[in-house]
Amino acid sequence: MVALQAANKIRNTRAALRREAAGLTRMEGRGMVADLLECPPDCILSLPVFKLVTWPTYMGRFFTLEILRQAGVNENRLVRDLTERQRLA
């Protein structure tokens, strides 16, 4: 039961962040994603980078894949597995 409560808390926190990112302008959305990657909260550490970067509404699949390719990051890599260089790229 404790595990279910912890998982629900993580899902709810992610959903709130996703809704917030969706309502931002292009530059604000990029800034939010950059801030989350620089200093990620515990709730997004197990999230694939691709999903995080696509949270802002204007970030489509191909644009996101191009950004990740330029940074040298696999789309399936988890946020917690990123190196410092990859976080700042």
N, C-alpha and C. Protein backbone atom coordinates (compact mmCIF):
# COMPACT_ATOMS: atom_id res chain seq x y z
N MET A 1 0.82 -1.20 0.00
CA MET A 1 0.00 0.00 0.00
C MET A 1 0.86 1.26 0.00
N VAL A 2 1.98 1.20 0.71
CA VAL A 2 2.88 2.35 0.77
C VAL A 2 3.48 2.61 -0.61
N ALA A 3 3.83 1.54 -1.33
CA ALA A 3 4.39 1.68 -2.66
C ALA A 3 3.39 2.32 -3.62
N LEU A 4 2.14 1.95 -3.53
CA LEU A 4 1.10 2.54 -4.38
C LEU A 4 0.93 4.03 -4.09
N GLN A 5 0.97 4.39 -2.84
CA GLN A 5 0.85 5.80 -2.47
C GLN A 5 2.04 6.59 -2.99
N ALA A 6 3.24 6.03 -2.89
CA ALA A 6 4.43 6.71 -3.40
C ALA A 6 4.35 6.87 -4.92
N ALA A 7 3.91 5.83 -5.63
CA ALA A 7 3.78 5.89 -7.08
C ALA A 7 2.73 6.92 -7.49
N ASN A 8 1.62 6.98 -6.78
CA ASN A 8 0.59 7.96 -7.08
C ASN A 8 1.08 9.38 -6.86
N LYS A 9 1.86 9.59 -5.82
CA LYS A 9 2.42 10.91 -5.54
C LYS A 9 3.33 11.34 -6.68
N ILE A 10 4.17 10.43 -7.17
CA ILE A 10 5.08 10.74 -8.28
C ILE A 10 4.27 11.06 -9.53
N ARG A 11 3.26 10.25 -9.84
CA ARG A 11 2.42 10.48 -11.02
C ARG A 11 1.70 11.83 -10.93
N ASN A 12 1.17 12.14 -9.77
CA ASN A 12 0.46 13.41 -9.61
C ASN A 12 1.40 14.60 -9.74
N THR A 13 2.60 14.49 -9.20
CA THR A 13 3.58 15.58 -9.30
C THR A 13 4.01 15.77 -10.74
N ARG A 14 4.26 14.66 -11.45
CA ARG A 14 4.63 14.74 -12.87
C ARG A 14 3.50 15.37 -13.67
N ALA A 15 2.29 14.98 -13.40
CA ALA A 15 1.14 15.52 -14.13
C ALA A 15 1.01 17.03 -13.92
N ALA A 16 1.24 17.47 -12.70
CA ALA A 16 1.18 18.91 -12.42
C ALA A 16 2.28 19.65 -13.17
N LEU A 17 3.48 19.11 -13.19
CA LEU A 17 4.58 19.73 -13.94
C LEU A 17 4.29 19.74 -15.44
N ARG A 18 3.73 18.66 -15.95
CA ARG A 18 3.40 18.55 -17.37
C ARG A 18 2.34 19.59 -17.75
N ARG A 19 1.32 19.74 -16.91
CA ARG A 19 0.28 20.75 -17.17
C ARG A 19 0.87 22.16 -17.15
N GLU A 20 1.77 22.40 -16.21
CA GLU A 20 2.41 23.70 -16.12
C GLU A 20 3.23 23.98 -17.38
N ALA A 21 3.99 22.99 -17.83
CA ALA A 21 4.83 23.16 -19.03
C ALA A 21 3.98 23.37 -20.27
N ALA A 22 2.84 22.72 -20.35
CA ALA A 22 1.98 22.83 -21.52
C ALA A 22 1.38 24.23 -21.65
N GLY A 23 1.24 24.94 -20.55
CA GLY A 23 0.64 26.26 -20.59
C GLY A 23 1.62 27.39 -20.77
N LEU A 24 2.90 27.07 -20.93
CA LEU A 24 3.92 28.11 -21.06
C LEU A 24 4.16 28.47 -22.52
N THR A 25 4.76 29.64 -22.72
CA THR A 25 5.17 30.04 -24.07
C THR A 25 6.39 29.22 -24.47
N ARG A 26 6.80 29.37 -25.72
CA ARG A 26 7.93 28.61 -26.26
C ARG A 26 9.20 28.78 -25.42
N MET A 27 9.58 30.01 -25.16
CA MET A 27 10.82 30.26 -24.42
C MET A 27 10.69 29.86 -22.94
N GLU A 28 9.54 30.11 -22.35
CA GLU A 28 9.32 29.71 -20.96
C GLU A 28 9.36 28.19 -20.82
N GLY A 29 8.78 27.48 -21.80
CA GLY A 29 8.79 26.02 -21.78
C GLY A 29 10.20 25.47 -21.88
N ARG A 30 11.00 26.05 -22.78
CA ARG A 30 12.40 25.63 -22.89
C ARG A 30 13.15 25.87 -21.59
N GLY A 31 12.90 27.03 -20.99
CA GLY A 31 13.57 27.35 -19.72
C GLY A 31 13.17 26.39 -18.62
N MET A 32 11.90 26.02 -18.57
CA MET A 32 11.43 25.10 -17.54
C MET A 32 12.09 23.73 -17.71
N VAL A 33 12.14 23.23 -18.95
CA VAL A 33 12.78 21.94 -19.20
C VAL A 33 14.26 22.00 -18.84
N ALA A 34 14.92 23.09 -19.21
CA ALA A 34 16.34 23.24 -18.87
C ALA A 34 16.54 23.25 -17.36
N ASP A 35 15.69 23.96 -16.64
CA ASP A 35 15.80 24.00 -15.18
C ASP A 35 15.57 22.62 -14.57
N LEU A 36 14.59 21.89 -15.09
CA LEU A 36 14.31 20.55 -14.57
C LEU A 36 15.46 19.59 -14.85
N LEU A 37 16.13 19.76 -15.99
CA LEU A 37 17.26 18.88 -16.29
C LEU A 37 18.49 19.24 -15.46
N GLU A 38 18.70 20.52 -15.20
CA GLU A 38 19.85 20.94 -14.38
C GLU A 38 19.75 20.44 -12.96
N CYS A 39 18.59 20.59 -12.38
CA CYS A 39 18.38 20.19 -10.99
C CYS A 39 17.06 19.42 -10.90
N PRO A 40 17.08 18.15 -11.31
CA PRO A 40 15.81 17.40 -11.39
C PRO A 40 15.25 17.02 -10.02
N PRO A 41 13.96 17.24 -9.81
CA PRO A 41 13.32 16.76 -8.58
C PRO A 41 13.22 15.24 -8.63
N ASP A 42 13.05 14.62 -7.50
CA ASP A 42 12.99 13.16 -7.41
C ASP A 42 11.91 12.55 -8.29
N CYS A 43 10.83 13.27 -8.50
CA CYS A 43 9.71 12.71 -9.25
C CYS A 43 10.02 12.48 -10.73
N ILE A 44 11.03 13.15 -11.29
CA ILE A 44 11.32 12.94 -12.71
C ILE A 44 12.60 12.17 -12.96
N LEU A 45 13.27 11.72 -11.94
CA LEU A 45 14.53 10.99 -12.12
C LEU A 45 14.34 9.71 -12.92
N SER A 46 13.20 9.06 -12.80
CA SER A 46 12.97 7.80 -13.50
C SER A 46 12.22 8.00 -14.82
N LEU A 47 12.13 9.24 -15.28
CA LEU A 47 11.42 9.57 -16.51
C LEU A 47 12.40 9.58 -17.68
N PRO A 48 12.03 8.98 -18.81
CA PRO A 48 12.91 9.09 -20.00
C PRO A 48 13.03 10.55 -20.44
N VAL A 49 14.22 10.92 -20.88
CA VAL A 49 14.48 12.30 -21.27
C VAL A 49 13.53 12.74 -22.39
N PHE A 50 13.25 11.85 -23.33
CA PHE A 50 12.37 12.19 -24.44
C PHE A 50 11.01 12.67 -23.95
N LYS A 51 10.44 12.00 -22.97
CA LYS A 51 9.12 12.39 -22.45
C LYS A 51 9.19 13.76 -21.79
N LEU A 52 10.26 14.01 -21.04
CA LEU A 52 10.39 15.31 -20.37
C LEU A 52 10.50 16.44 -21.38
N VAL A 53 11.31 16.25 -22.41
CA VAL A 53 11.53 17.32 -23.38
C VAL A 53 10.28 17.58 -24.21
N THR A 54 9.41 16.61 -24.37
CA THR A 54 8.18 16.83 -25.15
C THR A 54 7.03 17.40 -24.33
N TRP A 55 7.23 17.67 -23.06
CA TRP A 55 6.15 18.25 -22.25
C TRP A 55 5.62 19.57 -22.79
N PRO A 56 6.47 20.54 -23.15
CA PRO A 56 5.90 21.77 -23.72
C PRO A 56 5.15 21.44 -25.02
N THR A 57 4.06 22.10 -25.27
CA THR A 57 3.18 21.74 -26.38
C THR A 57 3.83 21.88 -27.75
N TYR A 58 4.72 22.79 -27.95
CA TYR A 58 5.32 23.01 -29.25
C TYR A 58 6.45 22.03 -29.58
N MET A 59 6.89 21.22 -28.62
CA MET A 59 8.01 20.31 -28.81
C MET A 59 7.51 19.00 -29.40
N GLY A 60 7.61 18.88 -30.72
CA GLY A 60 7.17 17.67 -31.40
C GLY A 60 8.23 16.57 -31.34
N ARG A 61 7.86 15.42 -31.85
CA ARG A 61 8.74 14.25 -31.82
C ARG A 61 10.04 14.48 -32.59
N PHE A 62 9.96 14.98 -33.81
CA PHE A 62 11.15 15.12 -34.64
C PHE A 62 12.07 16.22 -34.13
N PHE A 63 11.49 17.32 -33.67
CA PHE A 63 12.30 18.40 -33.11
C PHE A 63 13.03 17.92 -31.86
N THR A 64 12.33 17.18 -31.02
CA THR A 64 12.93 16.66 -29.79
C THR A 64 14.05 15.67 -30.11
N LEU A 65 13.81 14.78 -31.06
CA LEU A 65 14.84 13.80 -31.43
C LEU A 65 16.08 14.49 -31.97
N GLU A 66 15.90 15.57 -32.71
CA GLU A 66 17.05 16.32 -33.24
C GLU A 66 17.84 16.97 -32.11
N ILE A 67 17.16 17.55 -31.15
CA ILE A 67 17.83 18.16 -30.00
C ILE A 67 18.62 17.11 -29.22
N LEU A 68 18.00 15.98 -28.98
CA LEU A 68 18.68 14.92 -28.22
C LEU A 68 19.87 14.36 -29.01
N ARG A 69 19.73 14.23 -30.33
CA ARG A 69 20.84 13.74 -31.14
C ARG A 69 22.01 14.69 -31.09
N GLN A 70 21.76 15.99 -31.16
CA GLN A 70 22.82 16.99 -31.10
C GLN A 70 23.52 16.98 -29.75
N ALA A 71 22.78 16.66 -28.70
CA ALA A 71 23.37 16.60 -27.35
C ALA A 71 24.02 15.25 -27.07
N GLY A 72 23.84 14.28 -27.96
CA GLY A 72 24.43 12.96 -27.76
C GLY A 72 23.71 12.14 -26.72
N VAL A 73 22.39 12.29 -26.66
CA VAL A 73 21.60 11.61 -25.65
C VAL A 73 20.61 10.67 -26.34
N ASN A 74 20.57 9.43 -25.91
CA ASN A 74 19.60 8.48 -26.42
C ASN A 74 18.22 8.86 -25.86
N GLU A 75 17.19 8.74 -26.70
CA GLU A 75 15.85 9.16 -26.28
C GLU A 75 15.30 8.35 -25.11
N ASN A 76 15.79 7.13 -24.92
CA ASN A 76 15.29 6.27 -23.85
C ASN A 76 16.06 6.41 -22.54
N ARG A 77 17.11 7.22 -22.54
CA ARG A 77 17.91 7.39 -21.34
C ARG A 77 17.09 8.08 -20.26
N LEU A 78 17.24 7.64 -19.04
CA LEU A 78 16.51 8.23 -17.92
C LEU A 78 17.21 9.51 -17.48
N VAL A 79 16.45 10.42 -16.89
CA VAL A 79 17.00 11.69 -16.43
C VAL A 79 18.12 11.44 -15.42
N ARG A 80 17.96 10.47 -14.54
CA ARG A 80 18.99 10.22 -13.51
C ARG A 80 20.30 9.71 -14.10
N ASP A 81 20.26 9.16 -15.33
CA ASP A 81 21.46 8.61 -15.96
C ASP A 81 22.23 9.61 -16.80
N LEU A 82 21.75 10.83 -16.91
CA LEU A 82 22.44 11.84 -17.70
C LEU A 82 23.72 12.30 -17.01
N THR A 83 24.75 12.54 -17.81
CA THR A 83 25.99 13.09 -17.26
C THR A 83 25.81 14.61 -17.10
N GLU A 84 26.72 15.22 -16.40
CA GLU A 84 26.64 16.67 -16.20
C GLU A 84 26.69 17.41 -17.54
N ARG A 85 27.55 16.96 -18.45
CA ARG A 85 27.67 17.59 -19.76
C ARG A 85 26.35 17.47 -20.53
N GLN A 86 25.72 16.32 -20.46
CA GLN A 86 24.47 16.12 -21.17
C GLN A 86 23.34 16.95 -20.56
N ARG A 87 23.38 17.13 -19.27
CA ARG A 87 22.35 17.95 -18.61
C ARG A 87 22.42 19.40 -19.07
N LEU A 88 23.62 19.88 -19.29
CA LEU A 88 23.82 21.30 -19.63
C LEU A 88 23.80 21.56 -21.13
N ALA A 89 23.79 20.51 -21.95
CA ALA A 89 23.84 20.70 -23.42
C ALA A 89 22.56 21.24 -23.97
